[in-house]
Amino acid sequence: MRVFAALIDLHCLGCQSLKDKRHVVKGLIESIRHKMNVSVSEVDYHDTWQRAKIGIAWISHDGVGAETYYSEIIRMIDSRAGLERISVERLEY
């Protein structure tokens, strides 16, 4: 069993306030959590209204299953209106 994680840096397009950003990021987090059954949270840039960093972690028995999760999470983020992915840091333990 291995633990996988990703830190994903996001640009919140069109957000004009922290309230706008919270709405967009919270919706993304809930969507990922519900569909993928992984741990996910906003981990940085809490006071910056056009930027967010989310951390995601999950456990898998093999690298193939983990890659499937990772690909689906990235697809969900990239298809989300109002968000642009800046960078991704993948971690494996």
Protein backbone atom coordinates (compact mmCIF):
# COMPACT_ATOMS: atom_id res chain seq x y z
CA MET A 1 0.00 0.00 0.00
CA ARG A 2 1.30 3.43 -0.94
CA VAL A 3 0.22 6.99 -0.20
CA PHE A 4 -0.07 9.46 -3.07
CA ALA A 5 -0.52 13.21 -2.90
CA ALA A 6 -0.63 16.22 -5.16
CA LEU A 7 -0.26 19.94 -4.49
CA ILE A 8 -2.04 21.89 -7.19
CA ASP A 9 -1.56 25.63 -7.65
CA LEU A 10 -4.57 27.37 -9.22
CA HIS A 11 -5.39 30.76 -10.68
CA CYS A 12 -9.00 31.74 -10.03
CA LEU A 13 -10.02 33.58 -13.19
CA GLY A 14 -12.60 36.30 -12.80
CA CYS A 15 -12.66 36.25 -9.01
CA GLN A 16 -12.99 39.80 -7.70
CA SER A 17 -13.04 39.01 -3.98
CA LEU A 18 -12.20 36.35 -1.42
CA LYS A 19 -15.89 35.46 -1.37
CA ASP A 20 -15.80 34.73 -5.11
CA LYS A 21 -12.67 32.62 -4.68
CA ARG A 22 -14.12 30.67 -1.75
CA HIS A 23 -17.20 29.86 -3.81
CA VAL A 24 -15.15 28.53 -6.75
CA VAL A 25 -12.57 26.64 -4.67
CA LYS A 26 -15.11 25.17 -2.25
CA GLY A 27 -17.17 23.88 -5.18
CA LEU A 28 -14.10 22.24 -6.71
CA ILE A 29 -13.04 20.68 -3.41
CA GLU A 30 -16.49 19.24 -2.74
CA SER A 31 -16.73 17.90 -6.28
CA ILE A 32 -13.36 16.14 -6.08
CA ARG A 33 -14.06 14.81 -2.58
CA HIS A 34 -17.49 13.48 -3.56
CA LYS A 35 -16.56 11.92 -6.90
CA MET A 36 -13.08 10.57 -6.10
CA ASN A 37 -13.37 9.80 -2.35
CA VAL A 38 -9.99 11.40 -1.56
CA SER A 39 -8.81 13.85 1.08
CA VAL A 40 -8.68 17.37 -0.30
CA SER A 41 -8.22 20.80 1.25
CA GLU A 42 -7.14 24.33 0.43
CA VAL A 43 -3.61 24.55 1.84
CA ASP A 44 -2.19 27.94 0.81
CA TYR A 45 -3.00 31.46 -0.46
CA HIS A 46 -6.00 31.80 1.88
CA ASP A 47 -5.90 35.60 1.73
CA THR A 48 -5.17 35.96 -1.98
CA TRP A 49 -8.33 36.36 -4.05
CA GLN A 50 -7.10 35.07 -7.42
CA ARG A 51 -4.87 32.22 -6.32
CA ALA A 52 -5.37 28.96 -4.45
CA LYS A 53 -3.38 25.85 -3.66
CA ILE A 54 -5.15 22.60 -2.90
CA GLY A 55 -3.66 19.45 -1.45
CA ILE A 56 -5.06 16.05 -2.34
CA ALA A 57 -4.11 12.68 -0.83
CA TRP A 58 -5.21 9.10 -1.41
CA ILE A 59 -4.06 5.54 -0.78
CA SER A 60 -3.63 2.92 -3.48
CA HIS A 61 -2.33 -0.62 -3.65
CA ASP A 62 -0.56 0.00 -6.93
CA GLY A 63 0.75 2.78 -9.13
CA VAL A 64 -1.76 2.06 -11.90
CA GLY A 65 -4.73 2.78 -9.65
CA ALA A 66 -3.05 5.91 -8.34
CA GLU A 67 -2.38 7.15 -11.87
CA THR A 68 -6.06 6.68 -12.73
CA TYR A 69 -7.06 8.79 -9.72
CA TYR A 70 -4.49 11.43 -10.56
CA SER A 71 -5.60 11.67 -14.21
CA GLU A 72 -9.27 11.98 -13.26
CA ILE A 73 -8.56 14.68 -10.66
CA ILE A 74 -6.54 16.73 -13.17
CA ARG A 75 -9.31 16.30 -15.76
CA MET A 76 -11.89 17.57 -13.25
CA ILE A 77 -9.76 20.63 -12.47
CA ASP A 78 -9.01 21.42 -16.11
CA SER A 79 -12.68 21.17 -17.09
CA ARG A 80 -13.77 23.54 -14.31
CA ALA A 81 -14.79 26.98 -15.57
CA GLY A 82 -13.07 29.86 -13.82
CA LEU A 83 -9.91 27.95 -12.87
CA GLU A 84 -6.53 27.66 -14.51
CA ARG A 85 -3.97 25.12 -13.32
CA ILE A 86 -0.59 26.80 -12.73
CA SER A 87 1.47 23.89 -11.43
CA VAL A 88 1.24 20.41 -9.97
CA GLU A 89 3.61 18.77 -7.51
CA ARG A 90 3.14 15.01 -7.26
CA LEU A 91 4.28 13.14 -4.16
CA GLU A 92 4.48 9.44 -3.37
CA TYR A 93 5.26 7.78 -0.06
